[in-house]
Amino acid sequence: HDFRRWLTAIGRFTYGTADYRGGNRTDQTFSASADLIYKLSRNVWIKGQLRRDWLVSSIPNADTAATVVMLGVRVQN
């Protein structure tokens, strides 16, 4: 969503599954993220992302969760 010409927000949600051959393991993956892009000028952008990832497995004690924070600068000429 463009709040202004110079400020953009993007939200995402993803879902996936993995079935493993030769065993009875099934994994489900989920991810939710929010991006914020601040355009300082036509050539310089600052981008921040906050993402949360989950893995839910049919194997006991194999579930995981992670939080990822990224900050970047884009310079284009």
PDB file of N, CA and C in Angstrom:
ATOM      1  N   HIS A   1       0.849  -1.166   0.000  1.00  0.00           N
ATOM      2  CA  HIS A   1       0.000   0.000   0.000  1.00  0.00           C
ATOM      3  C   HIS A   1       0.899   1.235   0.000  1.00  0.00           C
ATOM      4  N   ASP A   2       0.599   2.183  -0.867  1.00  0.00           N
ATOM      5  CA  ASP A   2       1.341   3.440  -0.897  1.00  0.00           C
ATOM      6  C   ASP A   2       0.640   4.460  -0.007  1.00  0.00           C
ATOM      7  N   PHE A   3       1.267   4.774   1.114  1.00  0.00           N
ATOM      8  CA  PHE A   3       0.719   5.814   1.977  1.00  0.00           C
ATOM      9  C   PHE A   3       0.967   7.189   1.367  1.00  0.00           C
ATOM     10  N   ARG A   4       2.152   7.348   0.821  1.00  0.00           N
ATOM     11  CA  ARG A   4       2.572   8.546   0.099  1.00  0.00           C
ATOM     12  C   ARG A   4       3.454   8.071  -1.053  1.00  0.00           C
ATOM     13  N   ARG A   5       3.864   9.004  -1.913  1.00  0.00           N
ATOM     14  CA  ARG A   5       4.774   8.627  -2.997  1.00  0.00           C
ATOM     15  C   ARG A   5       6.074   8.063  -2.451  1.00  0.00           C
ATOM     16  N   TRP A   6       6.469   8.481  -1.270  1.00  0.00           N
ATOM     17  CA  TRP A   6       7.764   8.134  -0.710  1.00  0.00           C
ATOM     18  C   TRP A   6       7.686   7.085   0.405  1.00  0.00           C
ATOM     19  N   LEU A   7       6.492   6.572   0.708  1.00  0.00           N
ATOM     20  CA  LEU A   7       6.340   5.603   1.794  1.00  0.00           C
ATOM     21  C   LEU A   7       5.401   4.474   1.374  1.00  0.00           C
ATOM     22  N   THR A   8       5.933   3.259   1.340  1.00  0.00           N
ATOM     23  CA  THR A   8       5.181   2.085   0.897  1.00  0.00           C
ATOM     24  C   THR A   8       5.259   0.992   1.959  1.00  0.00           C
ATOM     25  N   ALA A   9       4.143   0.315   2.188  1.00  0.00           N
ATOM     26  CA  ALA A   9       4.099  -0.835   3.099  1.00  0.00           C
ATOM     27  C   ALA A   9       3.597  -2.050   2.327  1.00  0.00           C
ATOM     28  N   ILE A  10       4.192  -3.202   2.614  1.00  0.00           N
ATOM     29  CA  ILE A  10       3.814  -4.449   1.944  1.00  0.00           C
ATOM     30  C   ILE A  10       3.645  -5.525   3.014  1.00  0.00           C
ATOM     31  N   GLY A  11       2.540  -6.256   2.974  1.00  0.00           N
ATOM     32  CA  GLY A  11       2.307  -7.372   3.882  1.00  0.00           C
ATOM     33  C   GLY A  11       2.230  -8.669   3.099  1.00  0.00           C
ATOM     34  N   ARG A  12       2.769  -9.737   3.668  1.00  0.00           N
ATOM     35  CA  ARG A  12       2.759 -11.043   2.994  1.00  0.00           C
ATOM     36  C   ARG A  12       2.444 -12.148   4.005  1.00  0.00           C
ATOM     37  N   PHE A  13       1.820 -13.199   3.477  1.00  0.00           N
ATOM     38  CA  PHE A  13       1.623 -14.425   4.245  1.00  0.00           C
ATOM     39  C   PHE A  13       1.852 -15.588   3.298  1.00  0.00           C
ATOM     40  N   THR A  14       2.668 -16.549   3.690  1.00  0.00           N
ATOM     41  CA  THR A  14       2.911 -17.725   2.852  1.00  0.00           C
ATOM     42  C   THR A  14       2.660 -18.990   3.666  1.00  0.00           C
ATOM     43  N   TYR A  15       2.331 -20.049   2.938  1.00  0.00           N
ATOM     44  CA  TYR A  15       2.050 -21.347   3.549  1.00  0.00           C
ATOM     45  C   TYR A  15       2.574 -22.421   2.610  1.00  0.00           C
ATOM     46  N   GLY A  16       3.185 -23.450   3.155  1.00  0.00           N
ATOM     47  CA  GLY A  16       3.664 -24.555   2.336  1.00  0.00           C
ATOM     48  C   GLY A  16       3.662 -25.845   3.126  1.00  0.00           C
ATOM     49  N   THR A  17       3.720 -26.956   2.395  1.00  0.00           N
ATOM     50  CA  THR A  17       3.780 -28.273   3.028  1.00  0.00           C
ATOM     51  C   THR A  17       4.906 -29.084   2.397  1.00  0.00           C
ATOM     52  N   ALA A  18       5.438 -30.018   3.161  1.00  0.00           N
ATOM     53  CA  ALA A  18       6.464 -30.936   2.673  1.00  0.00           C
ATOM     54  C   ALA A  18       6.128 -32.324   3.194  1.00  0.00           C
ATOM     55  N   ASP A  19       5.941 -33.260   2.277  1.00  0.00           N
ATOM     56  CA  ASP A  19       5.712 -34.663   2.619  1.00  0.00           C
ATOM     57  C   ASP A  19       6.971 -35.436   2.256  1.00  0.00           C
ATOM     58  N   TYR A  20       7.508 -36.197   3.200  1.00  0.00           N
ATOM     59  CA  TYR A  20       8.758 -36.902   2.996  1.00  0.00           C
ATOM     60  C   TYR A  20       8.497 -38.351   2.619  1.00  0.00           C
ATOM     61  N   ARG A  21       9.176 -38.811   1.573  1.00  0.00           N
ATOM     62  CA  ARG A  21       9.043 -40.204   1.132  1.00  0.00           C
ATOM     63  C   ARG A  21       9.768 -41.129   2.099  1.00  0.00           C
ATOM     64  N   GLY A  22       9.256 -42.337   2.226  1.00  0.00           N
ATOM     65  CA  GLY A  22       9.908 -43.335   3.051  1.00  0.00           C
ATOM     66  C   GLY A  22       9.678 -43.158   4.543  1.00  0.00           C
ATOM     67  N   GLY A  23       8.862 -42.255   4.905  1.00  0.00           N
ATOM     68  CA  GLY A  23       8.589 -42.029   6.323  1.00  0.00           C
ATOM     69  C   GLY A  23       7.233 -41.376   6.461  1.00  0.00           C
ATOM     70  N   ASN A  24       6.813 -41.207   7.660  1.00  0.00           N
ATOM     71  CA  ASN A  24       5.506 -40.585   7.865  1.00  0.00           C
ATOM     72  C   ASN A  24       5.677 -39.199   8.474  1.00  0.00           C
ATOM     73  N   ARG A  25       6.586 -38.423   7.872  1.00  0.00           N
ATOM     74  CA  ARG A  25       6.809 -37.050   8.333  1.00  0.00           C
ATOM     75  C   ARG A  25       6.153 -36.070   7.368  1.00  0.00           C
ATOM     76  N   THR A  26       5.436 -35.133   7.930  1.00  0.00           N
ATOM     77  CA  THR A  26       4.823 -34.051   7.165  1.00  0.00           C
ATOM     78  C   THR A  26       5.120 -32.742   7.884  1.00  0.00           C
ATOM     79  N   ASP A  27       5.623 -31.773   7.129  1.00  0.00           N
ATOM     80  CA  ASP A  27       5.918 -30.457   7.689  1.00  0.00           C
ATOM     81  C   ASP A  27       5.024 -29.408   7.053  1.00  0.00           C
ATOM     82  N   GLN A  28       4.627 -28.454   7.858  1.00  0.00           N
ATOM     83  CA  GLN A  28       3.900 -27.284   7.365  1.00  0.00           C
ATOM     84  C   GLN A  28       4.739 -26.061   7.699  1.00  0.00           C
ATOM     85  N   THR A  29       4.875 -25.151   6.739  1.00  0.00           N
ATOM     86  CA  THR A  29       5.619 -23.921   6.974  1.00  0.00           C
ATOM     87  C   THR A  29       4.695 -22.732   6.781  1.00  0.00           C
ATOM     88  N   PHE A  30       4.847 -21.765   7.665  1.00  0.00           N
ATOM     89  CA  PHE A  30       4.073 -20.524   7.613  1.00  0.00           C
ATOM     90  C   PHE A  30       5.057 -19.366   7.730  1.00  0.00           C
ATOM     91  N   SER A  31       4.732 -18.273   7.084  1.00  0.00           N
ATOM     92  CA  SER A  31       5.553 -17.080   7.194  1.00  0.00           C
ATOM     93  C   SER A  31       4.664 -15.853   7.058  1.00  0.00           C
ATOM     94  N   ALA A  32       4.870 -14.878   7.918  1.00  0.00           N
ATOM     95  CA  ALA A  32       4.148 -13.608   7.842  1.00  0.00           C
ATOM     96  C   ALA A  32       5.189 -12.494   7.913  1.00  0.00           C
ATOM     97  N   SER A  33       5.059 -11.518   7.020  1.00  0.00           N
ATOM     98  CA  SER A  33       6.049 -10.446   7.010  1.00  0.00           C
ATOM     99  C   SER A  33       5.406  -9.104   6.699  1.00  0.00           C
ATOM    100  N   ALA A  34       6.108  -8.067   7.121  1.00  0.00           N
ATOM    101  CA  ALA A  34       5.707  -6.695   6.826  1.00  0.00           C
ATOM    102  C   ALA A  34       6.951  -5.934   6.387  1.00  0.00           C
ATOM    103  N   ASP A  35       6.862  -5.256   5.243  1.00  0.00           N
ATOM    104  CA  ASP A  35       7.957  -4.441   4.716  1.00  0.00           C
ATOM    105  C   ASP A  35       7.549  -2.981   4.764  1.00  0.00           C
ATOM    106  N   LEU A  36       8.519  -2.138   4.982  1.00  0.00           N
ATOM    107  CA  LEU A  36       8.298  -0.696   4.921  1.00  0.00           C
ATOM    108  C   LEU A  36       9.432  -0.103   4.090  1.00  0.00           C
ATOM    109  N   ILE A  37       9.072   0.626   3.032  1.00  0.00           N
ATOM    110  CA  ILE A  37      10.053   1.229   2.133  1.00  0.00           C
ATOM    111  C   ILE A  37       9.905   2.742   2.211  1.00  0.00           C
ATOM    112  N   TYR A  38      11.018   3.402   2.527  1.00  0.00           N
ATOM    113  CA  TYR A  38      11.050   4.860   2.612  1.00  0.00           C
ATOM    114  C   TYR A  38      11.971   5.364   1.506  1.00  0.00           C
ATOM    115  N   LYS A  39      11.414   6.130   0.586  1.00  0.00           N
ATOM    116  CA  LYS A  39      12.178   6.616  -0.561  1.00  0.00           C
ATOM    117  C   LYS A  39      12.713   8.011  -0.245  1.00  0.00           C
ATOM    118  N   LEU A  40      13.996   8.064   0.113  1.00  0.00           N
ATOM    119  CA  LEU A  40      14.636   9.337   0.422  1.00  0.00           C
ATOM    120  C   LEU A  40      14.723  10.221  -0.816  1.00  0.00           C
ATOM    121  N   SER A  41      15.030   9.599  -1.935  1.00  0.00           N
ATOM    122  CA  SER A  41      15.093  10.288  -3.217  1.00  0.00           C
ATOM    123  C   SER A  41      14.798   9.250  -4.292  1.00  0.00           C
ATOM    124  N   ARG A  42      14.908   9.663  -5.515  1.00  0.00           N
ATOM    125  CA  ARG A  42      14.671   8.729  -6.614  1.00  0.00           C
ATOM    126  C   ARG A  42      15.715   7.615  -6.636  1.00  0.00           C
ATOM    127  N   ASN A  43      16.902   7.915  -6.127  1.00  0.00           N
ATOM    128  CA  ASN A  43      18.019   6.974  -6.199  1.00  0.00           C
ATOM    129  C   ASN A  43      18.327   6.247  -4.894  1.00  0.00           C
ATOM    130  N   VAL A  44      17.805   6.700  -3.775  1.00  0.00           N
ATOM    131  CA  VAL A  44      18.142   6.108  -2.472  1.00  0.00           C
ATOM    132  C   VAL A  44      16.865   5.727  -1.730  1.00  0.00           C
ATOM    133  N   TRP A  45      16.772   4.426  -1.414  1.00  0.00           N
ATOM    134  CA  TRP A  45      15.630   3.902  -0.663  1.00  0.00           C
ATOM    135  C   TRP A  45      16.148   3.203   0.586  1.00  0.00           C
ATOM    136  N   ILE A  46      15.373   3.268   1.653  1.00  0.00           N
ATOM    137  CA  ILE A  46      15.651   2.493   2.862  1.00  0.00           C
ATOM    138  C   ILE A  46      14.502   1.509   3.045  1.00  0.00           C
ATOM    139  N   LYS A  47      14.856   0.234   3.217  1.00  0.00           N
ATOM    140  CA  LYS A  47      13.831  -0.809   3.342  1.00  0.00           C
ATOM    141  C   LYS A  47      14.041  -1.579   4.638  1.00  0.00           C
ATOM    142  N   GLY A  48      12.960  -1.763   5.375  1.00  0.00           N
ATOM    143  CA  GLY A  48      12.990  -2.575   6.578  1.00  0.00           C
ATOM    144  C   GLY A  48      11.971  -3.698   6.466  1.00  0.00           C
ATOM    145  N   GLN A  49      12.324  -4.855   7.008  1.00  0.00           N
ATOM    146  CA  GLN A  49      11.406  -6.001   6.973  1.00  0.00           C
ATOM    147  C   GLN A  49      11.400  -6.689   8.331  1.00  0.00           C
ATOM    148  N   LEU A  50      10.208  -7.049   8.767  1.00  0.00           N
ATOM    149  CA  LEU A  50      10.012  -7.861   9.962  1.00  0.00           C
ATOM    150  C   LEU A  50       9.268  -9.111   9.523  1.00  0.00           C
ATOM    151  N   ARG A  51       9.865 -10.288   9.790  1.00  0.00           N
ATOM    152  CA  ARG A  51       9.268 -11.549   9.340  1.00  0.00           C
ATOM    153  C   ARG A  51       9.254 -12.561  10.479  1.00  0.00           C
ATOM    154  N   ARG A  52       8.197 -13.339  10.537  1.00  0.00           N
ATOM    155  CA  ARG A  52       8.060 -14.426  11.516  1.00  0.00           C
ATOM    156  C   ARG A  52       7.829 -15.715  10.735  1.00  0.00           C
ATOM    157  N   ASP A  53       8.663 -16.728  10.986  1.00  0.00           N
ATOM    158  CA  ASP A  53       8.576 -18.027  10.311  1.00  0.00           C
ATOM    159  C   ASP A  53       8.259 -19.112  11.332  1.00  0.00           C
ATOM    160  N   TRP A  54       7.407 -20.037  10.938  1.00  0.00           N
ATOM    161  CA  TRP A  54       7.058 -21.193  11.768  1.00  0.00           C
ATOM    162  C   TRP A  54       7.173 -22.459  10.938  1.00  0.00           C
ATOM    163  N   LEU A  55       7.643 -23.539  11.564  1.00  0.00           N
ATOM    164  CA  LEU A  55       7.623 -24.869  10.975  1.00  0.00           C
ATOM    165  C   LEU A  55       6.911 -25.775  11.969  1.00  0.00           C
ATOM    166  N   VAL A  56       5.855 -26.425  11.508  1.00  0.00           N
ATOM    167  CA  VAL A  56       5.086 -27.350  12.340  1.00  0.00           C
ATOM    168  C   VAL A  56       5.271 -28.735  11.737  1.00  0.00           C
ATOM    169  N   SER A  57       5.846 -29.647  12.507  1.00  0.00           N
ATOM    170  CA  SER A  57       6.187 -30.971  12.007  1.00  0.00           C
ATOM    171  C   SER A  57       5.369 -32.044  12.712  1.00  0.00           C
ATOM    172  N   SER A  58       5.180 -33.154  12.001  1.00  0.00           N
ATOM    173  CA  SER A  58       4.504 -34.297  12.616  1.00  0.00           C
ATOM    174  C   SER A  58       5.457 -35.081  13.517  1.00  0.00           C
ATOM    175  N   ILE A  59       6.738 -34.779  13.465  1.00  0.00           N
ATOM    176  CA  ILE A  59       7.737 -35.409  14.323  1.00  0.00           C
ATOM    177  C   ILE A  59       7.780 -34.642  15.657  1.00  0.00           C
ATOM    178  N   PRO A  60       7.726 -35.327  16.776  1.00  0.00           N
ATOM    179  CA  PRO A  60       7.756 -34.633  18.070  1.00  0.00           C
ATOM    180  C   PRO A  60       9.030 -33.801  18.256  1.00  0.00           C
ATOM    181  N   ASN A  61       8.893 -32.647  18.842  1.00  0.00           N
ATOM    182  CA  ASN A  61       9.994 -31.732  19.169  1.00  0.00           C
ATOM    183  C   ASN A  61      10.768 -31.223  17.957  1.00  0.00           C
ATOM    184  N   ALA A  62      10.161 -31.221  16.779  1.00  0.00           N
ATOM    185  CA  ALA A  62      10.828 -30.721  15.573  1.00  0.00           C
ATOM    186  C   ALA A  62      10.270 -29.372  15.128  1.00  0.00           C
ATOM    187  N   ASP A  63       9.295 -28.841  15.865  1.00  0.00           N
ATOM    188  CA  ASP A  63       8.721 -27.543  15.495  1.00  0.00           C
ATOM    189  C   ASP A  63       9.736 -26.431  15.765  1.00  0.00           C
ATOM    190  N   THR A  64       9.731 -25.426  14.899  1.00  0.00           N
ATOM    191  CA  THR A  64      10.620 -24.285  15.087  1.00  0.00           C
ATOM    192  C   THR A  64       9.873 -22.991  14.804  1.00  0.00           C
ATOM    193  N   ALA A  65      10.416 -21.910  15.314  1.00  0.00           N
ATOM    194  CA  ALA A  65       9.895 -20.572  15.033  1.00  0.00           C
ATOM    195  C   ALA A  65      11.081 -19.620  15.031  1.00  0.00           C
ATOM    196  N   ALA A  66      11.025 -18.633  14.152  1.00  0.00           N
ATOM    197  CA  ALA A  66      12.116 -17.660  14.058  1.00  0.00           C
ATOM    198  C   ALA A  66      11.551 -16.290  13.724  1.00  0.00           C
ATOM    199  N   THR A  67      12.195 -15.279  14.262  1.00  0.00           N
ATOM    200  CA  THR A  67      11.868 -13.898  13.929  1.00  0.00           C
ATOM    201  C   THR A  67      13.082 -13.295  13.234  1.00  0.00           C
ATOM    202  N   VAL A  68      12.844 -12.674  12.080  1.00  0.00           N
ATOM    203  CA  VAL A  68      13.920 -12.098  11.271  1.00  0.00           C
ATOM    204  C   VAL A  68      13.643 -10.609  11.095  1.00  0.00           C
ATOM    205  N   VAL A  69      14.653  -9.793  11.355  1.00  0.00           N
ATOM    206  CA  VAL A  69      14.566  -8.350  11.139  1.00  0.00           C
ATOM    207  C   VAL A  69      15.685  -7.970  10.176  1.00  0.00           C
ATOM    208  N   MET A  70      15.328  -7.299   9.078  1.00  0.00           N
ATOM    209  CA  MET A  70      16.327  -6.883   8.095  1.00  0.00           C
ATOM    210  C   MET A  70      16.171  -5.398   7.793  1.00  0.00           C
ATOM    211  N   LEU A  71      17.288  -4.758   7.573  1.00  0.00           N
ATOM    212  CA  LEU A  71      17.310  -3.349   7.202  1.00  0.00           C
ATOM    213  C   LEU A  71      18.306  -3.195   6.066  1.00  0.00           C
ATOM    214  N   GLY A  72      17.885  -2.515   5.003  1.00  0.00           N
ATOM    215  CA  GLY A  72      18.760  -2.366   3.850  1.00  0.00           C
ATOM    216  C   GLY A  72      18.633  -1.001   3.206  1.00  0.00           C
ATOM    217  N   VAL A  73      19.642  -0.678   2.404  1.00  0.00           N
ATOM    218  CA  VAL A  73      19.664   0.563   1.641  1.00  0.00           C
ATOM    219  C   VAL A  73      19.823   0.204   0.175  1.00  0.00           C
ATOM    220  N   ARG A  74      19.011   0.818  -0.663  1.00  0.00           N
ATOM    221  CA  ARG A  74      19.105   0.609  -2.106  1.00  0.00           C
ATOM    222  C   ARG A  74      19.608   1.904  -2.731  1.00  0.00           C
ATOM    223  N   VAL A  75      20.712   1.802  -3.460  1.00  0.00           N
ATOM    224  CA  VAL A  75      21.264   2.948  -4.173  1.00  0.00           C
ATOM    225  C   VAL A  75      21.277   2.586  -5.646  1.00  0.00           C
ATOM    226  N   GLN A  76      20.619   3.381  -6.450  1.00  0.00           N
ATOM    227  CA  GLN A  76      20.505   3.101  -7.883  1.00  0.00           C
ATOM    228  C   GLN A  76      20.869   4.362  -8.649  1.00  0.00           C
ATOM    229  N   ASN A  77      21.643   4.178  -9.704  1.00  0.00           N
ATOM    230  CA  ASN A  77      22.055   5.327 -10.489  1.00  0.00           C
ATOM    231  C   ASN A  77      21.646   5.186 -11.924  1.00  0.00           C
TER     232      ASN A  77
END
